[in-house]
Amino acid sequence: MAVIMYSTPTCGFCKMAKSYFQNNNIPFTEYNVASNSEKAQEMVRKSGQMGVPVIDINGKVIVGFDRAAIDSALKK
């Protein structure tokens, strides 16, 4: 399973998502889009917007920390 999170260091919802993944032993790759313009462009291509966090779970893109959507995507 591939979990990718696009975030910024100052984003509270990003911190919540990161804690959620860590507390549930879900491995994920995090990209700081504040310092990585290439990943920021990739995030906008996937989500169509600049808001963070953007979470990509096996190709399902979730904008924001939506626990129900995250759980649903993880179960597939």
PDB file of N, CA and C in Angstrom:
ATOM      1  N   MET A   1       0.845  -1.185   0.000  1.00  0.00           N
ATOM      2  CA  MET A   1       0.000   0.000   0.000  1.00  0.00           C
ATOM      3  C   MET A   1       0.884   1.240   0.000  1.00  0.00           C
ATOM      4  N   ALA A   2       0.527   2.185  -0.823  1.00  0.00           N
ATOM      5  CA  ALA A   2       1.297   3.422  -0.900  1.00  0.00           C
ATOM      6  C   ALA A   2       0.484   4.567  -0.309  1.00  0.00           C
ATOM      7  N   VAL A   3       1.015   5.188   0.740  1.00  0.00           N
ATOM      8  CA  VAL A   3       0.378   6.356   1.342  1.00  0.00           C
ATOM      9  C   VAL A   3       1.357   7.517   1.226  1.00  0.00           C
ATOM     10  N   ILE A   4       0.918   8.564   0.534  1.00  0.00           N
ATOM     11  CA  ILE A   4       1.738   9.758   0.351  1.00  0.00           C
ATOM     12  C   ILE A   4       0.978  10.931   0.941  1.00  0.00           C
ATOM     13  N   MET A   5       1.665  11.741   1.744  1.00  0.00           N
ATOM     14  CA  MET A   5       1.036  12.935   2.295  1.00  0.00           C
ATOM     15  C   MET A   5       1.843  14.161   1.902  1.00  0.00           C
ATOM     16  N   TYR A   6       1.146  15.123   1.326  1.00  0.00           N
ATOM     17  CA  TYR A   6       1.744  16.408   0.986  1.00  0.00           C
ATOM     18  C   TYR A   6       1.344  17.368   2.103  1.00  0.00           C
ATOM     19  N   SER A   7       2.327  18.024   2.706  1.00  0.00           N
ATOM     20  CA  SER A   7       2.030  18.846   3.876  1.00  0.00           C
ATOM     21  C   SER A   7       2.966  20.045   3.965  1.00  0.00           C
ATOM     22  N   THR A   8       2.700  20.879   4.964  1.00  0.00           N
ATOM     23  CA  THR A   8       3.611  21.968   5.320  1.00  0.00           C
ATOM     24  C   THR A   8       3.871  21.868   6.822  1.00  0.00           C
ATOM     25  N   PRO A   9       5.010  22.398   7.289  1.00  0.00           N
ATOM     26  CA  PRO A   9       5.355  22.263   8.707  1.00  0.00           C
ATOM     27  C   PRO A   9       4.380  22.979   9.651  1.00  0.00           C
ATOM     28  N   THR A  10       3.675  23.993   9.172  1.00  0.00           N
ATOM     29  CA  THR A  10       2.814  24.794  10.044  1.00  0.00           C
ATOM     30  C   THR A  10       1.353  24.363  10.019  1.00  0.00           C
ATOM     31  N   CYS A  11       1.040  23.310   9.275  1.00  0.00           N
ATOM     32  CA  CYS A  11      -0.355  22.893   9.085  1.00  0.00           C
ATOM     33  C   CYS A  11      -0.815  21.985  10.228  1.00  0.00           C
ATOM     34  N   GLY A  12      -1.803  22.424  10.990  1.00  0.00           N
ATOM     35  CA  GLY A  12      -2.319  21.641  12.107  1.00  0.00           C
ATOM     36  C   GLY A  12      -2.968  20.342  11.675  1.00  0.00           C
ATOM     37  N   PHE A  13      -3.741  20.383  10.578  1.00  0.00           N
ATOM     38  CA  PHE A  13      -4.394  19.166  10.098  1.00  0.00           C
ATOM     39  C   PHE A  13      -3.371  18.163   9.571  1.00  0.00           C
ATOM     40  N   CYS A  14      -2.256  18.668   9.045  1.00  0.00           N
ATOM     41  CA  CYS A  14      -1.173  17.783   8.603  1.00  0.00           C
ATOM     42  C   CYS A  14      -0.599  17.032   9.797  1.00  0.00           C
ATOM     43  N   LYS A  15      -0.410  17.750  10.916  1.00  0.00           N
ATOM     44  CA  LYS A  15       0.120  17.124  12.130  1.00  0.00           C
ATOM     45  C   LYS A  15      -0.855  16.064  12.642  1.00  0.00           C
ATOM     46  N   MET A  16      -2.157  16.351  12.562  1.00  0.00           N
ATOM     47  CA  MET A  16      -3.164  15.372  12.993  1.00  0.00           C
ATOM     48  C   MET A  16      -3.102  14.125  12.114  1.00  0.00           C
ATOM     49  N   ALA A  17      -2.987  14.320  10.806  1.00  0.00           N
ATOM     50  CA  ALA A  17      -2.921  13.189   9.879  1.00  0.00           C
ATOM     51  C   ALA A  17      -1.665  12.367  10.141  1.00  0.00           C
ATOM     52  N   LYS A  18      -0.542  13.049  10.337  1.00  0.00           N
ATOM     53  CA  LYS A  18       0.719  12.348  10.599  1.00  0.00           C
ATOM     54  C   LYS A  18       0.610  11.519  11.877  1.00  0.00           C
ATOM     55  N   SER A  19       0.040  12.099  12.934  1.00  0.00           N
ATOM     56  CA  SER A  19      -0.144  11.371  14.195  1.00  0.00           C
ATOM     57  C   SER A  19      -1.058  10.168  13.997  1.00  0.00           C
ATOM     58  N   TYR A  20      -2.106  10.355  13.211  1.00  0.00           N
ATOM     59  CA  TYR A  20      -3.053   9.271  12.951  1.00  0.00           C
ATOM     60  C   TYR A  20      -2.337   8.090  12.286  1.00  0.00           C
ATOM     61  N   PHE A  21      -1.537   8.388  11.262  1.00  0.00           N
ATOM     62  CA  PHE A  21      -0.803   7.320  10.575  1.00  0.00           C
ATOM     63  C   PHE A  21       0.186   6.644  11.528  1.00  0.00           C
ATOM     64  N   GLN A  22       0.923   7.442  12.306  1.00  0.00           N
ATOM     65  CA  GLN A  22       1.924   6.877  13.218  1.00  0.00           C
ATOM     66  C   GLN A  22       1.260   6.035  14.305  1.00  0.00           C
ATOM     67  N   ASN A  23       0.166   6.537  14.880  1.00  0.00           N
ATOM     68  CA  ASN A  23      -0.517   5.815  15.959  1.00  0.00           C
ATOM     69  C   ASN A  23      -1.131   4.502  15.485  1.00  0.00           C
ATOM     70  N   ASN A  24      -1.439   4.413  14.184  1.00  0.00           N
ATOM     71  CA  ASN A  24      -2.041   3.201  13.626  1.00  0.00           C
ATOM     72  C   ASN A  24      -1.039   2.362  12.837  1.00  0.00           C
ATOM     73  N   ASN A  25       0.244   2.680  12.996  1.00  0.00           N
ATOM     74  CA  ASN A  25       1.324   1.933  12.329  1.00  0.00           C
ATOM     75  C   ASN A  25       1.107   1.829  10.827  1.00  0.00           C
ATOM     76  N   ILE A  26       0.709   2.948  10.215  1.00  0.00           N
ATOM     77  CA  ILE A  26       0.517   2.999   8.770  1.00  0.00           C
ATOM     78  C   ILE A  26       1.723   3.715   8.175  1.00  0.00           C
ATOM     79  N   PRO A  27       2.545   2.993   7.414  1.00  0.00           N
ATOM     80  CA  PRO A  27       3.720   3.650   6.824  1.00  0.00           C
ATOM     81  C   PRO A  27       3.284   4.660   5.766  1.00  0.00           C
ATOM     82  N   PHE A  28       3.957   5.804   5.743  1.00  0.00           N
ATOM     83  CA  PHE A  28       3.611   6.830   4.765  1.00  0.00           C
ATOM     84  C   PHE A  28       4.856   7.618   4.388  1.00  0.00           C
ATOM     85  N   THR A  29       4.785   8.228   3.233  1.00  0.00           N
ATOM     86  CA  THR A  29       5.844   9.111   2.765  1.00  0.00           C
ATOM     87  C   THR A  29       5.295  10.523   2.833  1.00  0.00           C
ATOM     88  N   GLU A  30       6.065  11.425   3.427  1.00  0.00           N
ATOM     89  CA  GLU A  30       5.609  12.807   3.580  1.00  0.00           C
ATOM     90  C   GLU A  30       6.485  13.728   2.752  1.00  0.00           C
ATOM     91  N   TYR A  31       5.842  14.641   2.033  1.00  0.00           N
ATOM     92  CA  TYR A  31       6.559  15.649   1.268  1.00  0.00           C
ATOM     93  C   TYR A  31       6.173  17.029   1.780  1.00  0.00           C
ATOM     94  N   ASN A  32       7.178  17.840   2.088  1.00  0.00           N
ATOM     95  CA  ASN A  32       6.954  19.211   2.534  1.00  0.00           C
ATOM     96  C   ASN A  32       6.846  20.094   1.292  1.00  0.00           C
ATOM     97  N   VAL A  33       5.624  20.492   0.955  1.00  0.00           N
ATOM     98  CA  VAL A  33       5.415  21.262  -0.275  1.00  0.00           C
ATOM     99  C   VAL A  33       5.798  22.733  -0.107  1.00  0.00           C
ATOM    100  N   ALA A  34       6.095  23.144   1.128  1.00  0.00           N
ATOM    101  CA  ALA A  34       6.577  24.513   1.339  1.00  0.00           C
ATOM    102  C   ALA A  34       8.015  24.655   0.840  1.00  0.00           C
ATOM    103  N   SER A  35       8.777  23.564   0.902  1.00  0.00           N
ATOM    104  CA  SER A  35      10.186  23.627   0.501  1.00  0.00           C
ATOM    105  C   SER A  35      10.493  22.818  -0.757  1.00  0.00           C
ATOM    106  N   ASN A  36       9.513  22.069  -1.270  1.00  0.00           N
ATOM    107  CA  ASN A  36       9.747  21.225  -2.439  1.00  0.00           C
ATOM    108  C   ASN A  36       8.743  21.603  -3.526  1.00  0.00           C
ATOM    109  N   SER A  37       9.156  22.501  -4.419  1.00  0.00           N
ATOM    110  CA  SER A  37       8.218  23.014  -5.434  1.00  0.00           C
ATOM    111  C   SER A  37       7.809  21.934  -6.427  1.00  0.00           C
ATOM    112  N   GLU A  38       8.691  20.964  -6.677  1.00  0.00           N
ATOM    113  CA  GLU A  38       8.343  19.868  -7.591  1.00  0.00           C
ATOM    114  C   GLU A  38       7.177  19.057  -7.022  1.00  0.00           C
ATOM    115  N   LYS A  39       7.254  18.738  -5.721  1.00  0.00           N
ATOM    116  CA  LYS A  39       6.175  17.978  -5.077  1.00  0.00           C
ATOM    117  C   LYS A  39       4.921  18.839  -4.920  1.00  0.00           C
ATOM    118  N   ALA A  40       5.092  20.143  -4.746  1.00  0.00           N
ATOM    119  CA  ALA A  40       3.931  21.045  -4.668  1.00  0.00           C
ATOM    120  C   ALA A  40       3.168  21.013  -5.993  1.00  0.00           C
ATOM    121  N   GLN A  41       3.898  21.036  -7.107  1.00  0.00           N
ATOM    122  CA  GLN A  41       3.252  20.968  -8.427  1.00  0.00           C
ATOM    123  C   GLN A  41       2.572  19.618  -8.619  1.00  0.00           C
ATOM    124  N   GLU A  42       3.204  18.551  -8.166  1.00  0.00           N
ATOM    125  CA  GLU A  42       2.622  17.208  -8.256  1.00  0.00           C
ATOM    126  C   GLU A  42       1.314  17.152  -7.451  1.00  0.00           C
ATOM    127  N   MET A  43       1.321  17.765  -6.260  1.00  0.00           N
ATOM    128  CA  MET A  43       0.137  17.795  -5.404  1.00  0.00           C
ATOM    129  C   MET A  43      -1.009  18.526  -6.102  1.00  0.00           C
ATOM    130  N   VAL A  44      -0.705  19.663  -6.720  1.00  0.00           N
ATOM    131  CA  VAL A  44      -1.745  20.440  -7.413  1.00  0.00           C
ATOM    132  C   VAL A  44      -2.285  19.648  -8.601  1.00  0.00           C
ATOM    133  N   ARG A  45      -1.414  18.939  -9.312  1.00  0.00           N
ATOM    134  CA  ARG A  45      -1.871  18.098 -10.434  1.00  0.00           C
ATOM    135  C   ARG A  45      -2.846  17.029  -9.936  1.00  0.00           C
ATOM    136  N   LYS A  46      -2.534  16.423  -8.799  1.00  0.00           N
ATOM    137  CA  LYS A  46      -3.380  15.352  -8.270  1.00  0.00           C
ATOM    138  C   LYS A  46      -4.688  15.878  -7.695  1.00  0.00           C
ATOM    139  N   SER A  47      -4.625  16.996  -6.958  1.00  0.00           N
ATOM    140  CA  SER A  47      -5.793  17.453  -6.190  1.00  0.00           C
ATOM    141  C   SER A  47      -6.511  18.645  -6.808  1.00  0.00           C
ATOM    142  N   GLY A  48      -5.818  19.381  -7.689  1.00  0.00           N
ATOM    143  CA  GLY A  48      -6.425  20.559  -8.284  1.00  0.00           C
ATOM    144  C   GLY A  48      -6.437  21.765  -7.371  1.00  0.00           C
ATOM    145  N   GLN A  49      -5.714  21.699  -6.263  1.00  0.00           N
ATOM    146  CA  GLN A  49      -5.693  22.853  -5.364  1.00  0.00           C
ATOM    147  C   GLN A  49      -4.420  22.908  -4.543  1.00  0.00           C
ATOM    148  N   MET A  50      -4.273  24.017  -3.786  1.00  0.00           N
ATOM    149  CA  MET A  50      -3.053  24.256  -3.008  1.00  0.00           C
ATOM    150  C   MET A  50      -3.212  23.921  -1.525  1.00  0.00           C
ATOM    151  N   GLY A  51      -4.419  23.584  -1.066  1.00  0.00           N
ATOM    152  CA  GLY A  51      -4.627  23.308   0.361  1.00  0.00           C
ATOM    153  C   GLY A  51      -3.944  22.026   0.803  1.00  0.00           C
ATOM    154  N   VAL A  52      -3.467  22.017   2.036  1.00  0.00           N
ATOM    155  CA  VAL A  52      -2.858  20.818   2.608  1.00  0.00           C
ATOM    156  C   VAL A  52      -3.619  20.419   3.864  1.00  0.00           C
ATOM    157  N   PRO A  53      -3.557  19.180   4.302  1.00  0.00           N
ATOM    158  CA  PRO A  53      -2.823  18.099   3.641  1.00  0.00           C
ATOM    159  C   PRO A  53      -3.582  17.530   2.451  1.00  0.00           C
ATOM    160  N   VAL A  54      -2.812  17.022   1.510  1.00  0.00           N
ATOM    161  CA  VAL A  54      -3.364  16.194   0.440  1.00  0.00           C
ATOM    162  C   VAL A  54      -2.769  14.812   0.673  1.00  0.00           C
ATOM    163  N   ILE A  55      -3.634  13.826   0.788  1.00  0.00           N
ATOM    164  CA  ILE A  55      -3.206  12.460   1.086  1.00  0.00           C
ATOM    165  C   ILE A  55      -3.598  11.570  -0.089  1.00  0.00           C
ATOM    166  N   ASP A  56      -2.621  10.851  -0.606  1.00  0.00           N
ATOM    167  CA  ASP A  56      -2.831   9.946  -1.740  1.00  0.00           C
ATOM    168  C   ASP A  56      -2.643   8.522  -1.218  1.00  0.00           C
ATOM    169  N   ILE A  57      -3.749   7.770  -1.198  1.00  0.00           N
ATOM    170  CA  ILE A  57      -3.694   6.377  -0.744  1.00  0.00           C
ATOM    171  C   ILE A  57      -4.008   5.486  -1.945  1.00  0.00           C
ATOM    172  N   ASN A  58      -2.961   4.861  -2.477  1.00  0.00           N
ATOM    173  CA  ASN A  58      -3.109   3.998  -3.659  1.00  0.00           C
ATOM    174  C   ASN A  58      -3.863   4.696  -4.788  1.00  0.00           C
ATOM    175  N   GLY A  59      -3.588   5.973  -4.997  1.00  0.00           N
ATOM    176  CA  GLY A  59      -4.211   6.703  -6.101  1.00  0.00           C
ATOM    177  C   GLY A  59      -5.504   7.404  -5.734  1.00  0.00           C
ATOM    178  N   LYS A  60      -6.059   7.135  -4.555  1.00  0.00           N
ATOM    179  CA  LYS A  60      -7.250   7.869  -4.104  1.00  0.00           C
ATOM    180  C   LYS A  60      -6.773   9.118  -3.376  1.00  0.00           C
ATOM    181  N   VAL A  61      -7.156  10.277  -3.899  1.00  0.00           N
ATOM    182  CA  VAL A  61      -6.678  11.542  -3.356  1.00  0.00           C
ATOM    183  C   VAL A  61      -7.710  12.112  -2.389  1.00  0.00           C
ATOM    184  N   ILE A  62      -7.260  12.397  -1.180  1.00  0.00           N
ATOM    185  CA  ILE A  62      -8.107  12.954  -0.124  1.00  0.00           C
ATOM    186  C   ILE A  62      -7.524  14.308   0.258  1.00  0.00           C
ATOM    187  N   VAL A  63      -8.360  15.327   0.236  1.00  0.00           N
ATOM    188  CA  VAL A  63      -7.916  16.665   0.609  1.00  0.00           C
ATOM    189  C   VAL A  63      -8.377  16.941   2.031  1.00  0.00           C
ATOM    190  N   GLY A  64      -7.434  17.308   2.885  1.00  0.00           N
ATOM    191  CA  GLY A  64      -7.747  17.566   4.282  1.00  0.00           C
ATOM    192  C   GLY A  64      -7.641  16.294   5.104  1.00  0.00           C
ATOM    193  N   PHE A  65      -7.818  16.441   6.417  1.00  0.00           N
ATOM    194  CA  PHE A  65      -7.753  15.278   7.302  1.00  0.00           C
ATOM    195  C   PHE A  65      -9.171  14.768   7.499  1.00  0.00           C
ATOM    196  N   ASP A  66      -9.582  13.889   6.586  1.00  0.00           N
ATOM    197  CA  ASP A  66     -10.926  13.305   6.599  1.00  0.00           C
ATOM    198  C   ASP A  66     -10.767  11.853   7.031  1.00  0.00           C
ATOM    199  N   ARG A  67     -10.909  11.610   8.333  1.00  0.00           N
ATOM    200  CA  ARG A  67     -10.625  10.284   8.894  1.00  0.00           C
ATOM    201  C   ARG A  67     -11.468   9.194   8.236  1.00  0.00           C
ATOM    202  N   ALA A  68     -12.753   9.453   7.993  1.00  0.00           N
ATOM    203  CA  ALA A  68     -13.623   8.445   7.373  1.00  0.00           C
ATOM    204  C   ALA A  68     -13.143   8.101   5.968  1.00  0.00           C
ATOM    205  N   ALA A  69     -12.772   9.113   5.197  1.00  0.00           N
ATOM    206  CA  ALA A  69     -12.280   8.870   3.838  1.00  0.00           C
ATOM    207  C   ALA A  69     -10.945   8.133   3.858  1.00  0.00           C
ATOM    208  N   ILE A  70     -10.092   8.479   4.827  1.00  0.00           N
ATOM    209  CA  ILE A  70      -8.795   7.809   4.966  1.00  0.00           C
ATOM    210  C   ILE A  70      -9.005   6.345   5.319  1.00  0.00           C
ATOM    211  N   ASP A  71      -9.872   6.081   6.305  1.00  0.00           N
ATOM    212  CA  ASP A  71     -10.133   4.696   6.701  1.00  0.00           C
ATOM    213  C   ASP A  71     -10.711   3.895   5.541  1.00  0.00           C
ATOM    214  N   SER A  72     -11.614   4.507   4.802  1.00  0.00           N
ATOM    215  CA  SER A  72     -12.234   3.834   3.659  1.00  0.00           C
ATOM    216  C   SER A  72     -11.185   3.496   2.605  1.00  0.00           C
ATOM    217  N   ALA A  73     -10.301   4.438   2.305  1.00  0.00           N
ATOM    218  CA  ALA A  73      -9.257   4.205   1.293  1.00  0.00           C
ATOM    219  C   ALA A  73      -8.267   3.146   1.757  1.00  0.00           C
ATOM    220  N   LEU A  74      -7.971   3.115   3.050  1.00  0.00           N
ATOM    221  CA  LEU A  74      -7.017   2.144   3.580  1.00  0.00           C
ATOM    222  C   LEU A  74      -7.559   0.723   3.542  1.00  0.00           C
ATOM    223  N   LYS A  75      -8.870   0.571   3.603  1.00  0.00           N
ATOM    224  CA  LYS A  75      -9.474  -0.761   3.648  1.00  0.00           C
ATOM    225  C   LYS A  75      -9.491  -1.426   2.275  1.00  0.00           C
ATOM    226  N   LYS A  76      -9.324  -0.663   1.211  1.00  0.00           N
ATOM    227  CA  LYS A  76      -9.418  -1.215  -0.133  1.00  0.00           C
ATOM    228  C   LYS A  76      -8.137  -1.903  -0.528  1.00  0.00           C
TER     229      LYS A  76
END
